[in-house]
Amino acid sequence: MACVMDGNGRWAQRRSLPRTAGHQAAETTVIDIIEAARAAGVEWLSLYAFSTENWNRPGAEVDFLMGLVRRVVRKHAPLLLARGIRCRFLGVGDSRIPRELARDFEDLATLTADNRGMTLTVAFDHGGRRDIVEAARSLIRSGTPADEVTERLFADHLPFPDTPDVDLVIRTSGEQRISNFMLWQVAYAEWVFPEVLWPDFRAPDFLACLHTYRRRDRRFGGVPPRTMGETS
């Protein structure tokens, strides 16, 4: 499962607050959804926290986000460890990321590396197109002949190649865009677009999205067996 955590700015705007207040309010949702996913038996959860395009936001907002994320990581590291959650960070390649924050990411990943309860991947400074380009470069550097490149081999050169394809993506706030998120892994994902803004999104909303997903008929380009041979 994956979540595109959208709507922080609009949440703040509706309350005549600065955008930073929306980001701050999102902390409660993040922890609530991690706990809800774990309790529901989700084994892999990815959260889209900061995209490669988010660097285009005002410098003051970016600086606030860097500080906020660092506080959140340090504050909740003991909880994540106690819950048996393995934490990984997808992206984190830009030199503009403060060294202290990059070190906190590394420390949390190391601290939780042996956990097996759930894998939490935080996409930070992430771009799906960039991941695909880097995988292509890796294949070229490895000297792999073009005729030997398969989808499976290509996927092996993506970051965290053990990550399974995403089954369900939840994008809050009602916006219906992919936004360059894990483009390879979401190729056949189901999407749910709840209207609720991310800071107001809670466990019952998350479980409702799961229920919606479970009612979907996933055919992966095929047709249901009962229609095979029928003329339409």
C-alpha atoms as a PDB file:
ATOM      1  CA  MET A   1       0.000   0.000   0.000  1.00  0.00           C
ATOM      2  CA  ALA A   2       1.026   3.605  -0.515  1.00  0.00           C
ATOM      3  CA  CYS A   3      -0.301   7.020   0.470  1.00  0.00           C
ATOM      4  CA  VAL A   4       0.137  10.325  -1.316  1.00  0.00           C
ATOM      5  CA  MET A   5      -0.254  12.670   1.636  1.00  0.00           C
ATOM      6  CA  ASP A   6      -2.020  15.573  -0.053  1.00  0.00           C
ATOM      7  CA  GLY A   7      -3.921  18.561   1.291  1.00  0.00           C
ATOM      8  CA  ASN A   8      -1.780  20.017   4.080  1.00  0.00           C
ATOM      9  CA  GLY A   9      -1.681  23.483   2.537  1.00  0.00           C
ATOM     10  CA  ARG A  10      -5.410  23.599   1.850  1.00  0.00           C
ATOM     11  CA  TRP A  11      -6.137  22.378   5.386  1.00  0.00           C
ATOM     12  CA  ALA A  12      -4.205  25.347   6.736  1.00  0.00           C
ATOM     13  CA  GLN A  13      -5.703  27.801   4.233  1.00  0.00           C
ATOM     14  CA  ARG A  14      -9.263  26.876   5.229  1.00  0.00           C
ATOM     15  CA  ARG A  15      -8.346  27.785   8.797  1.00  0.00           C
ATOM     16  CA  SER A  16      -6.563  31.028   7.837  1.00  0.00           C
ATOM     17  CA  LEU A  17      -3.280  29.513   9.025  1.00  0.00           C
ATOM     18  CA  PRO A  18       0.143  29.434   7.347  1.00  0.00           C
ATOM     19  CA  ARG A  19       0.860  26.400   5.159  1.00  0.00           C
ATOM     20  CA  THR A  20       3.415  25.246   7.712  1.00  0.00           C
ATOM     21  CA  ALA A  21       0.578  24.662  10.187  1.00  0.00           C
ATOM     22  CA  GLY A  22      -0.877  22.086   7.801  1.00  0.00           C
ATOM     23  CA  HIS A  23       2.414  20.234   7.602  1.00  0.00           C
ATOM     24  CA  GLN A  24       2.657  20.278  11.380  1.00  0.00           C
ATOM     25  CA  ALA A  25      -0.865  18.903  11.761  1.00  0.00           C
ATOM     26  CA  ALA A  26       0.006  16.055   9.383  1.00  0.00           C
ATOM     27  CA  GLU A  27       2.278  14.417  11.972  1.00  0.00           C
ATOM     28  CA  THR A  28      -0.681  12.977  13.892  1.00  0.00           C
ATOM     29  CA  THR A  29      -2.108  11.481  10.702  1.00  0.00           C
ATOM     30  CA  VAL A  30       1.190   9.855   9.754  1.00  0.00           C
ATOM     31  CA  ILE A  31       1.450   7.998  13.050  1.00  0.00           C
ATOM     32  CA  ASP A  32      -2.254   7.098  13.044  1.00  0.00           C
ATOM     33  CA  ILE A  33      -2.049   5.602   9.557  1.00  0.00           C
ATOM     34  CA  ILE A  34       1.144   3.685  10.308  1.00  0.00           C
ATOM     35  CA  GLU A  35      -0.551   2.150  13.344  1.00  0.00           C
ATOM     36  CA  ALA A  36      -3.757   1.426  11.391  1.00  0.00           C
ATOM     37  CA  ALA A  37      -1.870  -0.229   8.540  1.00  0.00           C
ATOM     38  CA  ARG A  38       0.122  -2.381  10.925  1.00  0.00           C
ATOM     39  CA  ALA A  39      -3.022  -3.438  12.795  1.00  0.00           C
ATOM     40  CA  ALA A  40      -4.738  -4.288   9.489  1.00  0.00           C
ATOM     41  CA  GLY A  41      -1.900  -6.632   8.532  1.00  0.00           C
ATOM     42  CA  VAL A  42      -0.348  -4.440   5.840  1.00  0.00           C
ATOM     43  CA  GLU A  43       3.195  -5.694   5.259  1.00  0.00           C
ATOM     44  CA  TRP A  44       4.475  -2.895   3.031  1.00  0.00           C
ATOM     45  CA  LEU A  45       3.489   0.764   3.405  1.00  0.00           C
ATOM     46  CA  SER A  46       4.963   3.662   1.426  1.00  0.00           C
ATOM     47  CA  LEU A  47       4.362   7.326   2.264  1.00  0.00           C
ATOM     48  CA  TYR A  48       5.058  10.133  -0.215  1.00  0.00           C
ATOM     49  CA  ALA A  49       6.562  12.847   1.972  1.00  0.00           C
ATOM     50  CA  PHE A  50       8.605  15.084  -0.368  1.00  0.00           C
ATOM     51  CA  SER A  51       9.003  14.928  -4.139  1.00  0.00           C
ATOM     52  CA  THR A  52      11.825  16.088  -6.377  1.00  0.00           C
ATOM     53  CA  GLU A  53       9.413  18.804  -7.565  1.00  0.00           C
ATOM     54  CA  ASN A  54       8.787  20.042  -4.024  1.00  0.00           C
ATOM     55  CA  TRP A  55      12.153  21.797  -4.113  1.00  0.00           C
ATOM     56  CA  ASN A  56      10.345  24.437  -6.189  1.00  0.00           C
ATOM     57  CA  ARG A  57       8.309  25.532  -3.166  1.00  0.00           C
ATOM     58  CA  PRO A  58       9.245  28.711  -1.256  1.00  0.00           C
ATOM     59  CA  GLY A  59      12.528  28.347   0.575  1.00  0.00           C
ATOM     60  CA  ALA A  60      11.003  29.092   3.969  1.00  0.00           C
ATOM     61  CA  GLU A  61       8.457  26.283   3.546  1.00  0.00           C
ATOM     62  CA  VAL A  62      11.140  23.826   2.432  1.00  0.00           C
ATOM     63  CA  ASP A  63      13.331  24.754   5.402  1.00  0.00           C
ATOM     64  CA  PHE A  64      10.390  24.275   7.753  1.00  0.00           C
ATOM     65  CA  LEU A  65       9.662  20.846   6.261  1.00  0.00           C
ATOM     66  CA  MET A  66      13.274  19.753   6.708  1.00  0.00           C
ATOM     67  CA  GLY A  67      13.207  20.716  10.365  1.00  0.00           C
ATOM     68  CA  LEU A  68       9.769  19.195  10.934  1.00  0.00           C
ATOM     69  CA  VAL A  69      10.693  15.874   9.359  1.00  0.00           C
ATOM     70  CA  ARG A  70      13.826  15.705  11.480  1.00  0.00           C
ATOM     71  CA  ARG A  71      11.818  16.280  14.665  1.00  0.00           C
ATOM     72  CA  VAL A  72       9.252  13.668  13.652  1.00  0.00           C
ATOM     73  CA  VAL A  73      11.911  11.054  12.826  1.00  0.00           C
ATOM     74  CA  ARG A  74      13.754  11.567  16.108  1.00  0.00           C
ATOM     75  CA  LYS A  75      10.550  11.710  18.176  1.00  0.00           C
ATOM     76  CA  HIS A  76       8.965   8.537  16.817  1.00  0.00           C
ATOM     77  CA  ALA A  77      12.048   6.348  16.294  1.00  0.00           C
ATOM     78  CA  PRO A  78      11.469   4.474  19.606  1.00  0.00           C
ATOM     79  CA  LEU A  79       7.840   3.760  18.666  1.00  0.00           C
ATOM     80  CA  LEU A  80       8.761   2.445  15.227  1.00  0.00           C
ATOM     81  CA  LEU A  81      11.422   0.215  16.733  1.00  0.00           C
ATOM     82  CA  ALA A  82       9.055  -1.094  19.405  1.00  0.00           C
ATOM     83  CA  ARG A  83       6.367  -1.850  16.813  1.00  0.00           C
ATOM     84  CA  GLY A  84       8.793  -3.977  14.796  1.00  0.00           C
ATOM     85  CA  ILE A  85       8.613  -1.656  11.788  1.00  0.00           C
ATOM     86  CA  ARG A  86      11.511  -1.582   9.348  1.00  0.00           C
ATOM     87  CA  CYS A  87      12.042   1.948   8.006  1.00  0.00           C
ATOM     88  CA  ARG A  88      13.588   2.855   4.661  1.00  0.00           C
ATOM     89  CA  PHE A  89      13.912   6.128   2.769  1.00  0.00           C
ATOM     90  CA  LEU A  90      13.396   6.257  -0.989  1.00  0.00           C
ATOM     91  CA  GLY A  91      15.251   9.128  -2.629  1.00  0.00           C
ATOM     92  CA  VAL A  92      17.330  11.249  -0.265  1.00  0.00           C
ATOM     93  CA  GLY A  93      19.888  12.062  -2.929  1.00  0.00           C
ATOM     94  CA  ASP A  94      19.855  15.849  -3.149  1.00  0.00           C
ATOM     95  CA  SER A  95      22.739  17.761  -1.611  1.00  0.00           C
ATOM     96  CA  ARG A  96      20.257  20.362  -0.358  1.00  0.00           C
ATOM     97  CA  ILE A  97      18.995  17.919   2.274  1.00  0.00           C
ATOM     98  CA  PRO A  98      20.607  18.982   5.566  1.00  0.00           C
ATOM     99  CA  ARG A  99      23.360  16.620   6.646  1.00  0.00           C
ATOM    100  CA  GLU A 100      21.760  16.191  10.047  1.00  0.00           C
ATOM    101  CA  LEU A 101      18.496  15.035   8.480  1.00  0.00           C
ATOM    102  CA  ALA A 102      20.235  12.641   6.094  1.00  0.00           C
ATOM    103  CA  ARG A 103      22.119  11.215   9.086  1.00  0.00           C
ATOM    104  CA  ASP A 104      18.864  10.768  11.019  1.00  0.00           C
ATOM    105  CA  PHE A 105      17.419   8.871   8.059  1.00  0.00           C
ATOM    106  CA  GLU A 106      20.444   6.589   7.997  1.00  0.00           C
ATOM    107  CA  ASP A 107      20.349   6.080  11.758  1.00  0.00           C
ATOM    108  CA  LEU A 108      16.641   5.134  11.740  1.00  0.00           C
ATOM    109  CA  ALA A 109      17.132   2.742   8.833  1.00  0.00           C
ATOM    110  CA  THR A 110      20.036   1.088  10.659  1.00  0.00           C
ATOM    111  CA  LEU A 111      18.168   0.990  13.978  1.00  0.00           C
ATOM    112  CA  THR A 112      15.159  -0.792  12.479  1.00  0.00           C
ATOM    113  CA  ALA A 113      16.933  -2.884   9.840  1.00  0.00           C
ATOM    114  CA  ASP A 114      16.235  -6.193  11.583  1.00  0.00           C
ATOM    115  CA  ASN A 115      12.531  -5.503  12.194  1.00  0.00           C
ATOM    116  CA  ARG A 116      10.102  -7.728  10.315  1.00  0.00           C
ATOM    117  CA  GLY A 117       6.677  -6.497  11.433  1.00  0.00           C
ATOM    118  CA  MET A 118       6.079  -4.124   8.520  1.00  0.00           C
ATOM    119  CA  THR A 119       8.274  -2.264   6.048  1.00  0.00           C
ATOM    120  CA  LEU A 120       7.672   1.480   6.014  1.00  0.00           C
ATOM    121  CA  THR A 121       9.175   3.278   3.023  1.00  0.00           C
ATOM    122  CA  VAL A 122       9.227   7.061   3.229  1.00  0.00           C
ATOM    123  CA  ALA A 123       9.629   8.631  -0.212  1.00  0.00           C
ATOM    124  CA  PHE A 124      11.632  11.773   0.456  1.00  0.00           C
ATOM    125  CA  ASP A 125      13.284  13.718  -2.358  1.00  0.00           C
ATOM    126  CA  HIS A 126      11.725  11.051  -4.546  1.00  0.00           C
ATOM    127  CA  GLY A 127      10.852  11.085  -8.239  1.00  0.00           C
ATOM    128  CA  GLY A 128       9.612   8.071 -10.163  1.00  0.00           C
ATOM    129  CA  ARG A 129      11.140   9.232 -13.428  1.00  0.00           C
ATOM    130  CA  ARG A 130      14.503   9.733 -11.762  1.00  0.00           C
ATOM    131  CA  ASP A 131      14.410   6.199 -10.371  1.00  0.00           C
ATOM    132  CA  ILE A 132      13.745   4.806 -13.850  1.00  0.00           C
ATOM    133  CA  VAL A 133      16.571   6.851 -15.375  1.00  0.00           C
ATOM    134  CA  GLU A 134      18.959   5.701 -12.647  1.00  0.00           C
ATOM    135  CA  ALA A 135      17.972   2.082 -13.229  1.00  0.00           C
ATOM    136  CA  ALA A 136      18.684   2.470 -16.958  1.00  0.00           C
ATOM    137  CA  ARG A 137      22.069   3.989 -16.168  1.00  0.00           C
ATOM    138  CA  SER A 138      22.832   1.119 -13.815  1.00  0.00           C
ATOM    139  CA  LEU A 139      22.013  -1.417 -16.521  1.00  0.00           C
ATOM    140  CA  ILE A 140      24.239   0.394 -19.002  1.00  0.00           C
ATOM    141  CA  ARG A 141      27.119   0.545 -16.523  1.00  0.00           C
ATOM    142  CA  SER A 142      26.741  -3.177 -15.862  1.00  0.00           C
ATOM    143  CA  GLY A 143      27.274  -3.870 -19.548  1.00  0.00           C
ATOM    144  CA  THR A 144      23.983  -5.745 -19.941  1.00  0.00           C
ATOM    145  CA  PRO A 145      23.244  -6.336 -23.655  1.00  0.00           C
ATOM    146  CA  ALA A 146      20.041  -4.646 -24.792  1.00  0.00           C
ATOM    147  CA  ASP A 147      18.475  -7.947 -25.901  1.00  0.00           C
ATOM    148  CA  GLU A 148      18.900  -9.352 -22.387  1.00  0.00           C
ATOM    149  CA  VAL A 149      17.003  -6.567 -20.624  1.00  0.00           C
ATOM    150  CA  THR A 150      13.705  -7.798 -19.213  1.00  0.00           C
ATOM    151  CA  GLU A 151      11.174  -6.148 -16.924  1.00  0.00           C
ATOM    152  CA  ARG A 152      12.382  -8.313 -14.047  1.00  0.00           C
ATOM    153  CA  LEU A 153      16.018  -7.409 -14.659  1.00  0.00           C
ATOM    154  CA  PHE A 154      15.172  -3.724 -14.998  1.00  0.00           C
ATOM    155  CA  ALA A 155      13.276  -3.820 -11.702  1.00  0.00           C
ATOM    156  CA  ASP A 156      16.322  -5.331 -10.036  1.00  0.00           C
ATOM    157  CA  HIS A 157      18.183  -2.075 -10.744  1.00  0.00           C
ATOM    158  CA  LEU A 158      15.556   0.152  -9.117  1.00  0.00           C
ATOM    159  CA  PRO A 159      16.046   1.370  -5.542  1.00  0.00           C
ATOM    160  CA  PHE A 160      14.984  -1.285  -3.018  1.00  0.00           C
ATOM    161  CA  PRO A 161      14.308  -3.961  -5.668  1.00  0.00           C
ATOM    162  CA  ASP A 162      12.739  -6.237  -3.056  1.00  0.00           C
ATOM    163  CA  THR A 163       9.785  -3.840  -2.775  1.00  0.00           C
ATOM    164  CA  PRO A 164       6.702  -5.534  -4.271  1.00  0.00           C
ATOM    165  CA  ASP A 165       4.433  -3.791  -6.748  1.00  0.00           C
ATOM    166  CA  VAL A 166       1.933  -1.514  -5.047  1.00  0.00           C
ATOM    167  CA  ASP A 167      -1.602  -2.907  -4.815  1.00  0.00           C
ATOM    168  CA  LEU A 168      -3.389   0.199  -3.542  1.00  0.00           C
ATOM    169  CA  VAL A 169      -2.569   3.912  -3.590  1.00  0.00           C
ATOM    170  CA  ILE A 170      -4.577   6.331  -1.453  1.00  0.00           C
ATOM    171  CA  ARG A 171      -4.326   9.992  -2.442  1.00  0.00           C
ATOM    172  CA  THR A 172      -6.119  12.276  -0.036  1.00  0.00           C
ATOM    173  CA  SER A 173      -7.773  15.658  -0.766  1.00  0.00           C
ATOM    174  CA  GLY A 174      -9.614  14.463  -3.882  1.00  0.00           C
ATOM    175  CA  GLU A 175      -6.791  15.322  -6.280  1.00  0.00           C
ATOM    176  CA  GLN A 176      -6.351  12.639  -8.952  1.00  0.00           C
ATOM    177  CA  ARG A 177      -2.743  12.716 -10.100  1.00  0.00           C
ATOM    178  CA  ILE A 178       0.184  10.296  -9.923  1.00  0.00           C
ATOM    179  CA  SER A 179       2.645  13.148  -9.261  1.00  0.00           C
ATOM    180  CA  ASN A 180       5.718  11.179 -10.333  1.00  0.00           C
ATOM    181  CA  PHE A 181       5.280   8.690  -7.474  1.00  0.00           C
ATOM    182  CA  MET A 182       6.853   5.216  -7.734  1.00  0.00           C
ATOM    183  CA  LEU A 183       5.951   5.090 -11.418  1.00  0.00           C
ATOM    184  CA  TRP A 184       7.257   1.583 -12.019  1.00  0.00           C
ATOM    185  CA  GLN A 185       5.720   0.066  -8.890  1.00  0.00           C
ATOM    186  CA  VAL A 186       2.223   1.569  -9.309  1.00  0.00           C
ATOM    187  CA  ALA A 187       1.772   0.417 -12.910  1.00  0.00           C
ATOM    188  CA  TYR A 188      -1.179  -1.810 -11.957  1.00  0.00           C
ATOM    189  CA  ALA A 189      -2.158  -0.317  -8.617  1.00  0.00           C
ATOM    190  CA  GLU A 190      -5.731   0.457  -7.686  1.00  0.00           C
ATOM    191  CA  TRP A 191      -6.285   4.093  -6.685  1.00  0.00           C
ATOM    192  CA  VAL A 192      -8.685   5.593  -4.163  1.00  0.00           C
ATOM    193  CA  PHE A 193      -9.179   9.364  -3.901  1.00  0.00           C
ATOM    194  CA  PRO A 194     -10.897  10.312  -0.639  1.00  0.00           C
ATOM    195  CA  GLU A 195     -11.945  13.964  -0.416  1.00  0.00           C
ATOM    196  CA  VAL A 196     -10.662  14.354   3.145  1.00  0.00           C
ATOM    197  CA  LEU A 197      -7.475  16.398   3.500  1.00  0.00           C
ATOM    198  CA  TRP A 198      -4.451  14.557   4.870  1.00  0.00           C
ATOM    199  CA  PRO A 199      -4.360  16.237   8.326  1.00  0.00           C
ATOM    200  CA  ASP A 200      -7.965  15.085   8.883  1.00  0.00           C
ATOM    201  CA  PHE A 201      -7.409  11.560   7.514  1.00  0.00           C
ATOM    202  CA  ARG A 202      -7.693   8.937  10.252  1.00  0.00           C
ATOM    203  CA  ALA A 203      -7.758   5.177  10.767  1.00  0.00           C
ATOM    204  CA  PRO A 204     -11.483   4.787   9.922  1.00  0.00           C
ATOM    205  CA  ASP A 205     -10.884   6.609   6.607  1.00  0.00           C
ATOM    206  CA  PHE A 206      -7.926   4.356   5.921  1.00  0.00           C
ATOM    207  CA  LEU A 207      -9.973   1.236   6.636  1.00  0.00           C
ATOM    208  CA  ALA A 208     -12.757   2.519   4.370  1.00  0.00           C
ATOM    209  CA  CYS A 209     -10.213   2.790   1.546  1.00  0.00           C
ATOM    210  CA  LEU A 210      -9.095  -0.770   2.246  1.00  0.00           C
ATOM    211  CA  HIS A 211     -12.714  -1.903   2.060  1.00  0.00           C
ATOM    212  CA  THR A 212     -13.130  -0.146  -1.285  1.00  0.00           C
ATOM    213  CA  TYR A 213     -10.009  -1.862  -2.599  1.00  0.00           C
ATOM    214  CA  ARG A 214     -11.182  -5.292  -1.491  1.00  0.00           C
ATOM    215  CA  ARG A 215     -14.363  -4.857  -3.523  1.00  0.00           C
ATOM    216  CA  ARG A 216     -12.422  -4.091  -6.696  1.00  0.00           C
ATOM    217  CA  ASP A 217     -12.172  -6.719  -9.437  1.00  0.00           C
ATOM    218  CA  ARG A 218      -8.482  -6.678 -10.362  1.00  0.00           C
ATOM    219  CA  ARG A 219      -8.019  -8.127 -13.852  1.00  0.00           C
ATOM    220  CA  PHE A 220      -4.569  -6.815 -14.841  1.00  0.00           C
ATOM    221  CA  GLY A 221      -5.676  -6.260 -18.425  1.00  0.00           C
ATOM    222  CA  GLY A 222      -7.614  -9.521 -18.711  1.00  0.00           C
ATOM    223  CA  VAL A 223     -11.325 -10.255 -18.479  1.00  0.00           C
ATOM    224  CA  PRO A 224     -13.330 -12.141 -15.841  1.00  0.00           C
ATOM    225  CA  PRO A 225     -13.532 -15.912 -16.535  1.00  0.00           C
ATOM    226  CA  ARG A 226     -17.306 -15.728 -16.948  1.00  0.00           C
ATOM    227  CA  THR A 227     -16.944 -13.470 -20.007  1.00  0.00           C
ATOM    228  CA  MET A 228     -14.332 -15.578 -21.798  1.00  0.00           C
ATOM    229  CA  GLY A 229     -15.671 -16.481 -25.223  1.00  0.00           C
ATOM    230  CA  GLU A 230     -18.679 -14.204 -24.957  1.00  0.00           C
ATOM    231  CA  THR A 231     -19.366 -11.704 -27.730  1.00  0.00           C
ATOM    232  CA  SER A 232     -19.604  -8.100 -26.595  1.00  0.00           C
END
